Amino acid sequence: RFTISRDNAKNTVYLQMNSLKPEDTAVYYCHADIRPLLFFRTYDYWGQ
């Protein structure tokens, strides 16, 4: 039902949600492992 995809040129991730059900009701959070510029490791980042 769901498909995750990303566009690396746009630094964007998508979640296509089809055939939605009432039990899908929730707050959805984006998460990414990102290495900031000039840093030497990745960090966890969360959307609002």
All heavy atoms as atom14 arrays in JSON, in Angstrom:
{
  "sequence": "RFTISRDNAKNTVYLQMNSLKPEDTAVYYCHADIRPLLFFRTYDYWGQ",
  "atom14_mask": [
    [1, 1, 1, 1, 1, 1, 1, 1, 1, 1, 1, 0, 0, 0],
    [1, 1, 1, 1, 1, 1, 1, 1, 1, 1, 1, 0, 0, 0],
    [1, 1, 1, 1, 1, 1, 1, 0, 0, 0, 0, 0, 0, 0],
    [1, 1, 1, 1, 1, 1, 1, 1, 0, 0, 0, 0, 0, 0],
    [1, 1, 1, 1, 1, 1, 0, 0, 0, 0, 0, 0, 0, 0],
    [1, 1, 1, 1, 1, 1, 1, 1, 1, 1, 1, 0, 0, 0],
    [1, 1, 1, 1, 1, 1, 1, 1, 0, 0, 0, 0, 0, 0],
    [1, 1, 1, 1, 1, 1, 1, 1, 0, 0, 0, 0, 0, 0],
    [1, 1, 1, 1, 1, 0, 0, 0, 0, 0, 0, 0, 0, 0],
    [1, 1, 1, 1, 1, 1, 1, 1, 1, 0, 0, 0, 0, 0],
    [1, 1, 1, 1, 1, 1, 1, 1, 0, 0, 0, 0, 0, 0],
    [1, 1, 1, 1, 1, 1, 1, 0, 0, 0, 0, 0, 0, 0],
    [1, 1, 1, 1, 1, 1, 1, 0, 0, 0, 0, 0, 0, 0],
    [1, 1, 1, 1, 1, 1, 1, 1, 1, 1, 1, 1, 0, 0],
    [1, 1, 1, 1, 1, 1, 1, 1, 0, 0, 0, 0, 0, 0],
    [1, 1, 1, 1, 1, 1, 1, 1, 1, 0, 0, 0, 0, 0],
    [1, 1, 1, 1, 1, 1, 1, 1, 0, 0, 0, 0, 0, 0],
    [1, 1, 1, 1, 1, 1, 1, 1, 0, 0, 0, 0, 0, 0],
    [1, 1, 1, 1, 1, 1, 0, 0, 0, 0, 0, 0, 0, 0],
    [1, 1, 1, 1, 1, 1, 1, 1, 0, 0, 0, 0, 0, 0],
    [1, 1, 1, 1, 1, 1, 1, 1, 1, 0, 0, 0, 0, 0],
    [1, 1, 1, 1, 1, 1, 1, 0, 0, 0, 0, 0, 0, 0],
    [1, 1, 1, 1, 1, 1, 1, 1, 1, 0, 0, 0, 0, 0],
    [1, 1, 1, 1, 1, 1, 1, 1, 0, 0, 0, 0, 0, 0],
    [1, 1, 1, 1, 1, 1, 1, 0, 0, 0, 0, 0, 0, 0],
    [1, 1, 1, 1, 1, 0, 0, 0, 0, 0, 0, 0, 0, 0],
    [1, 1, 1, 1, 1, 1, 1, 0, 0, 0, 0, 0, 0, 0],
    [1, 1, 1, 1, 1, 1, 1, 1, 1, 1, 1, 1, 0, 0],
    [1, 1, 1, 1, 1, 1, 1, 1, 1, 1, 1, 1, 0, 0],
    [1, 1, 1, 1, 1, 1, 0, 0, 0, 0, 0, 0, 0, 0],
    [1, 1, 1, 1, 1, 1, 1, 1, 1, 1, 0, 0, 0, 0],
    [1, 1, 1, 1, 1, 0, 0, 0, 0, 0, 0, 0, 0, 0],
    [1, 1, 1, 1, 1, 1, 1, 1, 0, 0, 0, 0, 0, 0],
    [1, 1, 1, 1, 1, 1, 1, 1, 0, 0, 0, 0, 0, 0],
    [1, 1, 1, 1, 1, 1, 1, 1, 1, 1, 1, 0, 0, 0],
    [1, 1, 1, 1, 1, 1, 1, 0, 0, 0, 0, 0, 0, 0],
    [1, 1, 1, 1, 1, 1, 1, 1, 0, 0, 0, 0, 0, 0],
    [1, 1, 1, 1, 1, 1, 1, 1, 0, 0, 0, 0, 0, 0],
    [1, 1, 1, 1, 1, 1, 1, 1, 1, 1, 1, 0, 0, 0],
    [1, 1, 1, 1, 1, 1, 1, 1, 1, 1, 1, 0, 0, 0],
    [1, 1, 1, 1, 1, 1, 1, 1, 1, 1, 1, 0, 0, 0],
    [1, 1, 1, 1, 1, 1, 1, 0, 0, 0, 0, 0, 0, 0],
    [1, 1, 1, 1, 1, 1, 1, 1, 1, 1, 1, 1, 0, 0],
    [1, 1, 1, 1, 1, 1, 1, 1, 0, 0, 0, 0, 0, 0],
    [1, 1, 1, 1, 1, 1, 1, 1, 1, 1, 1, 1, 0, 0],
    [1, 1, 1, 1, 1, 1, 1, 1, 1, 1, 1, 1, 1, 1],
    [1, 1, 1, 1, 0, 0, 0, 0, 0, 0, 0, 0, 0, 0],
    [1, 1, 1, 1, 1, 1, 1, 1, 1, 0, 0, 0, 0, 0]
  ],
  "atom14_positions": [
    [[0.81, -1.21, 0.0], [0.0, 0.0, 0.0], [0.84, 1.27, 0.0], [0.47, 2.27, -0.61], [-0.94, 0.03, 1.21], [-1.91, -1.14, 1.26], [-2.93, -0.96, 2.39], [-2.3, -0.92, 3.71], [-2.38, 0.11, 4.55], [-3.08, 1.19, 4.21], [-1.78, 0.05, 5.73], [0.0, 0.0, 0.0], [0.0, 0.0, 0.0], [0.0, 0.0, 0.0]],
    [[1.96, 1.24, 0.71], [2.84, 2.41, 0.82], [4.1, 2.2, -0.02], [4.6, 1.08, -0.15], [3.26, 2.64, 2.27], [2.17, 3.1, 3.19], [0.84, 3.07, 2.82], [2.49, 3.58, 4.45], [-0.16, 3.49, 3.67], [1.5, 4.01, 5.32], [0.19, 3.97, 4.94], [0.0, 0.0, 0.0], [0.0, 0.0, 0.0], [0.0, 0.0, 0.0]],
    [[4.63, 3.28, -0.55], [5.88, 3.24, -1.29], [6.77, 4.39, -0.84], [6.37, 5.55, -0.89], [5.65, 3.34, -2.8], [4.8, 2.28, -3.24], [6.98, 3.25, -3.55], [0.0, 0.0, 0.0], [0.0, 0.0, 0.0], [0.0, 0.0, 0.0], [0.0, 0.0, 0.0], [0.0, 0.0, 0.0], [0.0, 0.0, 0.0], [0.0, 0.0, 0.0]],
    [[7.98, 4.06, -0.4], [8.95, 5.07, -0.04], [9.9, 5.28, -1.21], [10.28, 4.32, -1.89], [9.71, 4.7, 1.25], [10.59, 5.86, 1.73], [10.53, 3.43, 1.07], [11.19, 5.65, 3.11], [0.0, 0.0, 0.0], [0.0, 0.0, 0.0], [0.0, 0.0, 0.0], [0.0, 0.0, 0.0], [0.0, 0.0, 0.0], [0.0, 0.0, 0.0]],
    [[10.27, 6.51, -1.46], [11.2, 6.83, -2.53], [11.99, 8.06, -2.14], [11.67, 8.74, -1.17], [10.46, 7.05, -3.86], [9.57, 8.14, -3.76], [0.0, 0.0, 0.0], [0.0, 0.0, 0.0], [0.0, 0.0, 0.0], [0.0, 0.0, 0.0], [0.0, 0.0, 0.0], [0.0, 0.0, 0.0], [0.0, 0.0, 0.0], [0.0, 0.0, 0.0]],
    [[13.03, 8.35, -2.91], [13.83, 9.54, -2.62], [14.37, 10.14, -3.9], [14.58, 9.45, -4.9], [14.97, 9.22, -1.65], [15.99, 8.22, -2.18], [16.92, 7.73, -1.05], [17.86, 8.76, -0.62], [18.63, 8.64, 0.46], [18.54, 7.55, 1.23], [19.48, 9.61, 0.78], [0.0, 0.0, 0.0], [0.0, 0.0, 0.0], [0.0, 0.0, 0.0]],
    [[14.58, 11.43, -3.85], [15.2, 12.17, -4.93], [16.46, 12.79, -4.34], [16.4, 13.8, -3.64], [14.25, 13.25, -5.47], [14.8, 13.97, -6.68], [16.03, 13.99, -6.87], [13.99, 14.52, -7.45], [0.0, 0.0, 0.0], [0.0, 0.0, 0.0], [0.0, 0.0, 0.0], [0.0, 0.0, 0.0], [0.0, 0.0, 0.0], [0.0, 0.0, 0.0]],
    [[17.59, 12.18, -4.62], [18.84, 12.63, -4.01], [19.24, 14.02, -4.47], [19.89, 14.76, -3.73], [19.95, 11.63, -4.3], [19.75, 10.3, -3.59], [19.14, 10.25, -2.52], [20.26, 9.23, -4.17], [0.0, 0.0, 0.0], [0.0, 0.0, 0.0], [0.0, 0.0, 0.0], [0.0, 0.0, 0.0], [0.0, 0.0, 0.0], [0.0, 0.0, 0.0]],
    [[18.87, 14.38, -5.69], [19.19, 15.72, -6.19], [18.46, 16.8, -5.42], [18.93, 17.94, -5.33], [18.87, 15.82, -7.68], [0.0, 0.0, 0.0], [0.0, 0.0, 0.0], [0.0, 0.0, 0.0], [0.0, 0.0, 0.0], [0.0, 0.0, 0.0], [0.0, 0.0, 0.0], [0.0, 0.0, 0.0], [0.0, 0.0, 0.0], [0.0, 0.0, 0.0]],
    [[17.31, 16.46, -4.86], [16.51, 17.41, -4.1], [16.6, 17.19, -2.6], [15.93, 17.9, -1.84], [15.04, 17.33, -4.53], [14.79, 17.71, -5.98], [13.32, 17.61, -6.32], [13.05, 18.02, -7.75], [11.61, 17.93, -8.09], [0.0, 0.0, 0.0], [0.0, 0.0, 0.0], [0.0, 0.0, 0.0], [0.0, 0.0, 0.0], [0.0, 0.0, 0.0]],
    [[17.39, 16.21, -2.16], [17.51, 15.87, -0.74], [16.13, 15.62, -0.12], [15.85, 16.05, 1.0], [18.24, 16.97, 0.03], [19.72, 17.04, -0.3], [20.3, 16.09, -0.81], [20.33, 18.16, 0.01], [0.0, 0.0, 0.0], [0.0, 0.0, 0.0], [0.0, 0.0, 0.0], [0.0, 0.0, 0.0], [0.0, 0.0, 0.0], [0.0, 0.0, 0.0]],
    [[15.3, 14.9, -0.84], [13.91, 14.72, -0.44], [13.53, 13.25, -0.43], [13.92, 12.49, -1.33], [12.98, 15.49, -1.38], [13.3, 16.89, -1.33], [11.52, 15.31, -0.97], [0.0, 0.0, 0.0], [0.0, 0.0, 0.0], [0.0, 0.0, 0.0], [0.0, 0.0, 0.0], [0.0, 0.0, 0.0], [0.0, 0.0, 0.0], [0.0, 0.0, 0.0]],
    [[12.77, 12.86, 0.58], [12.21, 11.53, 0.67], [10.69, 11.65, 0.64], [10.12, 12.61, 1.16], [12.68, 10.78, 1.93], [12.22, 11.49, 3.2], [12.22, 9.33, 1.91], [0.0, 0.0, 0.0], [0.0, 0.0, 0.0], [0.0, 0.0, 0.0], [0.0, 0.0, 0.0], [0.0, 0.0, 0.0], [0.0, 0.0, 0.0], [0.0, 0.0, 0.0]],
    [[10.03, 10.67, 0.01], [8.59, 10.68, -0.15], [7.99, 9.42, 0.44], [8.64, 8.37, 0.52], [8.19, 10.76, -1.62], [8.81, 11.91, -2.37], [10.0, 11.74, -3.08], [8.2, 13.16, -2.4], [10.57, 12.78, -3.77], [8.75, 14.21, -3.09], [9.94, 14.02, -3.78], [10.5, 15.06, -4.48], [0.0, 0.0, 0.0], [0.0, 0.0, 0.0]],
    [[6.73, 9.51, 0.81], [5.97, 8.34, 1.2], [4.61, 8.43, 0.51], [3.78, 9.25, 0.88], [5.78, 8.25, 2.72], [5.11, 6.97, 3.22], [6.02, 5.76, 2.98], [4.75, 7.07, 4.7], [0.0, 0.0, 0.0], [0.0, 0.0, 0.0], [0.0, 0.0, 0.0], [0.0, 0.0, 0.0], [0.0, 0.0, 0.0], [0.0, 0.0, 0.0]],
    [[4.44, 7.6, -0.52], [3.16, 7.51, -1.2], [2.3, 6.51, -0.46], [2.67, 5.34, -0.32], [3.36, 7.06, -2.65], [2.07, 6.9, -3.44], [1.34, 8.2, -3.66], [1.96, 9.19, -4.04], [0.04, 8.21, -3.41], [0.0, 0.0, 0.0], [0.0, 0.0, 0.0], [0.0, 0.0, 0.0], [0.0, 0.0, 0.0], [0.0, 0.0, 0.0]],
    [[1.14, 6.95, 0.01], [0.25, 6.12, 0.8], [-1.05, 5.92, 0.05], [-1.8, 6.87, -0.18], [-0.01, 6.75, 2.17], [1.26, 7.04, 2.97], [0.91, 7.69, 4.62], [0.21, 9.28, 4.19], [0.0, 0.0, 0.0], [0.0, 0.0, 0.0], [0.0, 0.0, 0.0], [0.0, 0.0, 0.0], [0.0, 0.0, 0.0], [0.0, 0.0, 0.0]],
    [[-1.32, 4.69, -0.34], [-2.54, 4.33, -1.05], [-3.38, 3.39, -0.2], [-2.89, 2.78, 0.75], [-2.21, 3.67, -2.39], [-1.44, 4.56, -3.32], [-1.64, 5.78, -3.35], [-0.54, 3.96, -4.11], [0.0, 0.0, 0.0], [0.0, 0.0, 0.0], [0.0, 0.0, 0.0], [0.0, 0.0, 0.0], [0.0, 0.0, 0.0], [0.0, 0.0, 0.0]],
    [[-4.64, 3.26, -0.57], [-5.57, 2.37, 0.13], [-5.52, 2.58, 1.63], [-5.44, 1.64, 2.42], [-5.25, 0.9, -0.22], [-5.34, 0.67, -1.61], [0.0, 0.0, 0.0], [0.0, 0.0, 0.0], [0.0, 0.0, 0.0], [0.0, 0.0, 0.0], [0.0, 0.0, 0.0], [0.0, 0.0, 0.0], [0.0, 0.0, 0.0], [0.0, 0.0, 0.0]],
    [[-5.6, 3.82, 2.02], [-5.45, 4.17, 3.43], [-6.59, 3.6, 4.28], [-7.74, 3.54, 3.84], [-5.37, 5.68, 3.59], [-4.01, 6.27, 3.23], [-4.12, 7.77, 2.99], [-3.0, 5.98, 4.34], [0.0, 0.0, 0.0], [0.0, 0.0, 0.0], [0.0, 0.0, 0.0], [0.0, 0.0, 0.0], [0.0, 0.0, 0.0], [0.0, 0.0, 0.0]],
    [[-6.24, 3.21, 5.48], [-7.17, 2.64, 6.43], [-7.23, 3.51, 7.68], [-6.27, 4.23, 7.98], [-6.73, 1.23, 6.83], [-6.56, 0.26, 5.66], [-6.0, -1.06, 6.14], [-5.81, -2.03, 4.98], [-5.25, -3.33, 5.45], [0.0, 0.0, 0.0], [0.0, 0.0, 0.0], [0.0, 0.0, 0.0], [0.0, 0.0, 0.0], [0.0, 0.0, 0.0]],
    [[-8.32, 3.45, 8.44], [-8.39, 4.22, 9.68], [-7.22, 3.95, 10.62], [-6.78, 4.88, 11.32], [-9.72, 3.77, 10.29], [-10.56, 3.42, 9.11], [-9.6, 2.78, 8.13], [0.0, 0.0, 0.0], [0.0, 0.0, 0.0], [0.0, 0.0, 0.0], [0.0, 0.0, 0.0], [0.0, 0.0, 0.0], [0.0, 0.0, 0.0], [0.0, 0.0, 0.0]],
    [[-6.72, 2.73, 10.65], [-5.6, 2.41, 11.52], [-4.29, 3.03, 11.08], [-3.29, 2.95, 11.81], [-5.43, 0.88, 11.67], [-5.38, 0.15, 10.34], [-6.72, -0.46, 9.96], [-7.75, 0.24, 10.09], [-6.74, -1.63, 9.54], [0.0, 0.0, 0.0], [0.0, 0.0, 0.0], [0.0, 0.0, 0.0], [0.0, 0.0, 0.0], [0.0, 0.0, 0.0]],
    [[-4.26, 3.66, 9.91], [-3.08, 4.41, 9.47], [-3.04, 5.8, 10.09], [-2.03, 6.51, 9.93], [-3.05, 4.53, 7.95], [-2.88, 3.2, 7.25], [-2.06, 2.38, 7.72], [-3.56, 2.98, 6.22], [0.0, 0.0, 0.0], [0.0, 0.0, 0.0], [0.0, 0.0, 0.0], [0.0, 0.0, 0.0], [0.0, 0.0, 0.0], [0.0, 0.0, 0.0]],
    [[-4.1, 6.19, 10.76], [-4.14, 7.51, 11.39], [-3.04, 7.64, 12.42], [-2.91, 6.83, 13.33], [-5.51, 7.74, 12.05], [-6.53, 7.75, 11.05], [-5.52, 9.06, 12.8], [0.0, 0.0, 0.0], [0.0, 0.0, 0.0], [0.0, 0.0, 0.0], [0.0, 0.0, 0.0], [0.0, 0.0, 0.0], [0.0, 0.0, 0.0], [0.0, 0.0, 0.0]],
    [[-2.22, 8.66, 12.27], [-1.08, 8.87, 13.15], [-0.38, 10.16, 12.77], [-0.66, 10.76, 11.73], [-0.09, 7.71, 13.04], [0.0, 0.0, 0.0], [0.0, 0.0, 0.0], [0.0, 0.0, 0.0], [0.0, 0.0, 0.0], [0.0, 0.0, 0.0], [0.0, 0.0, 0.0], [0.0, 0.0, 0.0], [0.0, 0.0, 0.0], [0.0, 0.0, 0.0]],
    [[0.54, 10.57, 13.62], [1.49, 11.61, 13.25], [2.67, 10.92, 12.59], [3.25, 9.99, 13.17], [1.95, 12.43, 14.46], [3.0, 13.46, 14.03], [0.77, 13.13, 15.11], [0.0, 0.0, 0.0], [0.0, 0.0, 0.0], [0.0, 0.0, 0.0], [0.0, 0.0, 0.0], [0.0, 0.0, 0.0], [0.0, 0.0, 0.0], [0.0, 0.0, 0.0]],
    [[3.02, 11.34, 11.39], [4.11, 10.74, 10.64], [5.35, 11.62, 10.73], [5.29, 12.83, 10.5], [3.7, 10.55, 9.18], [2.77, 9.38, 8.98], [1.46, 9.43, 9.42], [3.21, 8.2, 8.36], [0.6, 8.35, 9.27], [2.36, 7.13, 8.2], [1.06, 7.2, 8.66], [0.21, 6.12, 8.49], [0.0, 0.0, 0.0], [0.0, 0.0, 0.0]],
    [[6.47, 10.98, 11.06], [7.73, 11.69, 11.25], [8.76, 11.23, 10.24], [8.96, 10.03, 10.04], [8.28, 11.44, 12.65], [7.41, 11.95, 13.78], [6.46, 11.13, 14.36], [7.56, 13.24, 14.26], [5.66, 11.59, 15.39], [6.77, 13.71, 15.29], [5.82, 12.87, 15.86], [5.04, 13.33, 16.89], [0.0, 0.0, 0.0], [0.0, 0.0, 0.0]],
    [[9.42, 12.17, 9.64], [10.54, 11.89, 8.76], [11.82, 11.77, 9.58], [12.02, 12.51, 10.55], [10.67, 13.01, 7.72], [12.08, 12.88, 6.63], [0.0, 0.0, 0.0], [0.0, 0.0, 0.0], [0.0, 0.0, 0.0], [0.0, 0.0, 0.0], [0.0, 0.0, 0.0], [0.0, 0.0, 0.0], [0.0, 0.0, 0.0], [0.0, 0.0, 0.0]],
    [[12.68, 10.84, 9.19], [13.96, 10.64, 9.87], [15.06, 10.46, 8.84], [14.83, 9.89, 7.77], [13.9, 9.41, 10.78], [15.21, 9.07, 11.4], [16.07, 8.15, 10.83], [15.83, 9.52, 12.52], [17.16, 8.04, 11.58], [17.03, 8.87, 12.6], [0.0, 0.0, 0.0], [0.0, 0.0, 0.0], [0.0, 0.0, 0.0], [0.0, 0.0, 0.0]],
    [[16.25, 10.94, 9.16], [17.37, 10.79, 8.25], [18.68, 10.72, 9.0], [18.85, 11.38, 10.04], [17.41, 11.93, 7.24], [0.0, 0.0, 0.0], [0.0, 0.0, 0.0], [0.0, 0.0, 0.0], [0.0, 0.0, 0.0], [0.0, 0.0, 0.0], [0.0, 0.0, 0.0], [0.0, 0.0, 0.0], [0.0, 0.0, 0.0], [0.0, 0.0, 0.0]],
    [[19.58, 9.91, 8.49], [20.97, 9.89, 8.95], [21.76, 10.81, 8.03], [21.9, 10.54, 6.84], [21.55, 8.48, 8.89], [20.86, 7.52, 9.83], [20.49, 7.94, 10.94], [20.71, 6.33, 9.46], [0.0, 0.0, 0.0], [0.0, 0.0, 0.0], [0.0, 0.0, 0.0], [0.0, 0.0, 0.0], [0.0, 0.0, 0.0], [0.0, 0.0, 0.0]],
    [[22.26, 11.89, 8.59], [22.88, 12.94, 7.79], [24.26, 13.28, 8.33], [24.45, 13.43, 9.53], [22.02, 14.22, 7.76], [20.66, 13.92, 7.13], [22.73, 15.34, 7.02], [19.7, 15.08, 7.16], [0.0, 0.0, 0.0], [0.0, 0.0, 0.0], [0.0, 0.0, 0.0], [0.0, 0.0, 0.0], [0.0, 0.0, 0.0], [0.0, 0.0, 0.0]],
    [[25.23, 13.4, 7.43], [26.54, 13.91, 7.79], [26.59, 15.39, 7.46], [26.55, 15.76, 6.28], [27.64, 13.16, 7.06], [29.03, 13.67, 7.38], [30.1, 12.91, 6.62], [31.4, 13.56, 6.76], [32.52, 13.14, 6.19], [32.49, 12.04, 5.43], [33.65, 13.8, 6.37], [0.0, 0.0, 0.0], [0.0, 0.0, 0.0], [0.0, 0.0, 0.0]],
    [[26.67, 16.25, 8.46], [26.76, 17.68, 8.2], [28.08, 18.04, 7.54], [29.08, 17.33, 7.68], [26.67, 18.32, 9.59], [26.05, 17.27, 10.45], [26.57, 15.98, 9.91], [0.0, 0.0, 0.0], [0.0, 0.0, 0.0], [0.0, 0.0, 0.0], [0.0, 0.0, 0.0], [0.0, 0.0, 0.0], [0.0, 0.0, 0.0], [0.0, 0.0, 0.0]],
    [[28.07, 19.12, 6.82], [29.29, 19.61, 6.2], [30.35, 19.88, 7.25], [30.06, 20.45, 8.31], [28.98, 20.89, 5.41], [30.01, 21.35, 4.38], [30.1, 20.36, 3.24], [29.62, 22.72, 3.85], [0.0, 0.0, 0.0], [0.0, 0.0, 0.0], [0.0, 0.0, 0.0], [0.0, 0.0, 0.0], [0.0, 0.0, 0.0], [0.0, 0.0, 0.0]],
    [[31.56, 19.43, 7.0], [32.73, 19.61, 7.87], [32.73, 18.71, 9.11], [33.61, 18.85, 9.95], [32.9, 21.08, 8.29], [33.02, 22.1, 7.15], [33.18, 23.5, 7.73], [34.18, 21.76, 6.23], [0.0, 0.0, 0.0], [0.0, 0.0, 0.0], [0.0, 0.0, 0.0], [0.0, 0.0, 0.0], [0.0, 0.0, 0.0], [0.0, 0.0, 0.0]],
    [[31.76, 17.81, 9.22], [31.74, 16.86, 10.31], [32.17, 15.48, 9.8], [32.15, 15.22, 8.59], [30.36, 16.8, 10.96], [30.07, 17.97, 11.84], [29.86, 19.23, 11.31], [30.01, 17.82, 13.23], [29.58, 20.31, 12.12], [29.73, 18.9, 14.04], [29.52, 20.15, 13.49], [0.0, 0.0, 0.0], [0.0, 0.0, 0.0], [0.0, 0.0, 0.0]],
    [[32.52, 14.61, 10.73], [33.13, 13.34, 10.37], [32.28, 12.12, 10.71], [32.77, 10.99, 10.63], [34.5, 13.23, 11.03], [35.38, 14.38, 10.7], [35.66, 15.35, 11.65], [35.93, 14.52, 9.44], [36.47, 16.43, 11.35], [36.73, 15.6, 9.12], [37.01, 16.55, 10.08], [0.0, 0.0, 0.0], [0.0, 0.0, 0.0], [0.0, 0.0, 0.0]],
    [[31.03, 12.34, 11.07], [30.11, 11.27, 11.37], [28.69, 11.73, 11.08], [28.44, 12.92, 10.88], [30.22, 10.82, 12.83], [30.07, 11.95, 13.85], [29.6, 11.46, 15.19], [28.2, 11.09, 15.16], [27.48, 10.8, 16.22], [28.04, 10.81, 17.42], [26.2, 10.48, 16.11], [0.0, 0.0, 0.0], [0.0, 0.0, 0.0], [0.0, 0.0, 0.0]],
    [[27.78, 10.77, 11.04], [26.38, 11.1, 10.81], [25.65, 11.34, 12.12], [26.07, 10.89, 13.19], [25.66, 9.99, 10.03], [25.64, 8.79, 10.83], [26.38, 9.71, 8.71], [0.0, 0.0, 0.0], [0.0, 0.0, 0.0], [0.0, 0.0, 0.0], [0.0, 0.0, 0.0], [0.0, 0.0, 0.0], [0.0, 0.0, 0.0], [0.0, 0.0, 0.0]],
    [[24.54, 12.05, 12.01], [23.67, 12.33, 13.14], [22.24, 12.04, 12.75], [21.9, 12.06, 11.56], [23.8, 13.78, 13.59], [25.17, 14.14, 14.13], [26.19, 14.51, 13.27], [25.44, 14.1, 15.49], [27.45, 14.83, 13.75], [26.69, 14.41, 15.99], [27.7, 14.78, 15.11], [28.93, 15.09, 15.61], [0.0, 0.0, 0.0], [0.0, 0.0, 0.0]],
    [[21.41, 11.77, 13.74], [19.99, 11.55, 13.52], [19.25, 12.88, 13.47], [19.41, 13.71, 14.37], [19.38, 10.7, 14.63], [19.9, 9.28, 14.63], [20.26, 8.78, 13.55], [19.92, 8.66, 15.71], [0.0, 0.0, 0.0], [0.0, 0.0, 0.0], [0.0, 0.0, 0.0], [0.0, 0.0, 0.0], [0.0, 0.0, 0.0], [0.0, 0.0, 0.0]],
    [[18.42, 13.05, 12.45], [17.58, 14.24, 12.34], [16.13, 13.82, 12.17], [15.84, 12.82, 11.51], [18.02, 15.11, 11.16], [19.35, 15.77, 11.37], [20.53, 15.15, 10.99], [19.43, 17.02, 11.98], [21.76, 15.74, 11.21], [20.66, 17.63, 12.2], [21.82, 16.98, 11.81], [23.03, 17.58, 12.03], [0.0, 0.0, 0.0], [0.0, 0.0, 0.0]],
    [[15.24, 14.61, 12.76], [13.81, 14.32, 12.73], [13.03, 15.52, 12.23], [13.36, 16.67, 12.53], [13.31, 13.98, 14.14], [13.82, 12.68, 14.66], [14.95, 12.46, 15.38], [13.18, 11.4, 14.52], [15.07, 11.13, 15.69], [14.01, 10.46, 15.17], [12.01, 10.97, 13.91], [13.68, 9.11, 15.23], [11.68, 9.63, 13.95], [12.51, 8.72, 14.62]],
    [[12.0, 15.24, 11.46], [11.05, 16.27, 11.09], [10.11, 16.57, 12.24], [10.09, 15.88, 13.26], [0.0, 0.0, 0.0], [0.0, 0.0, 0.0], [0.0, 0.0, 0.0], [0.0, 0.0, 0.0], [0.0, 0.0, 0.0], [0.0, 0.0, 0.0], [0.0, 0.0, 0.0], [0.0, 0.0, 0.0], [0.0, 0.0, 0.0], [0.0, 0.0, 0.0]],
    [[9.31, 17.6, 12.08], [8.4, 18.02, 13.13], [7.17, 17.14, 13.23], [6.48, 17.15, 14.25], [7.94, 19.47, 12.89], [9.01, 20.5, 13.15], [9.28, 20.69, 14.63], [10.17, 20.04, 15.19], [8.52, 21.55, 15.28], [0.0, 0.0, 0.0], [0.0, 0.0, 0.0], [0.0, 0.0, 0.0], [0.0, 0.0, 0.0], [0.0, 0.0, 0.0]]
  ]
}
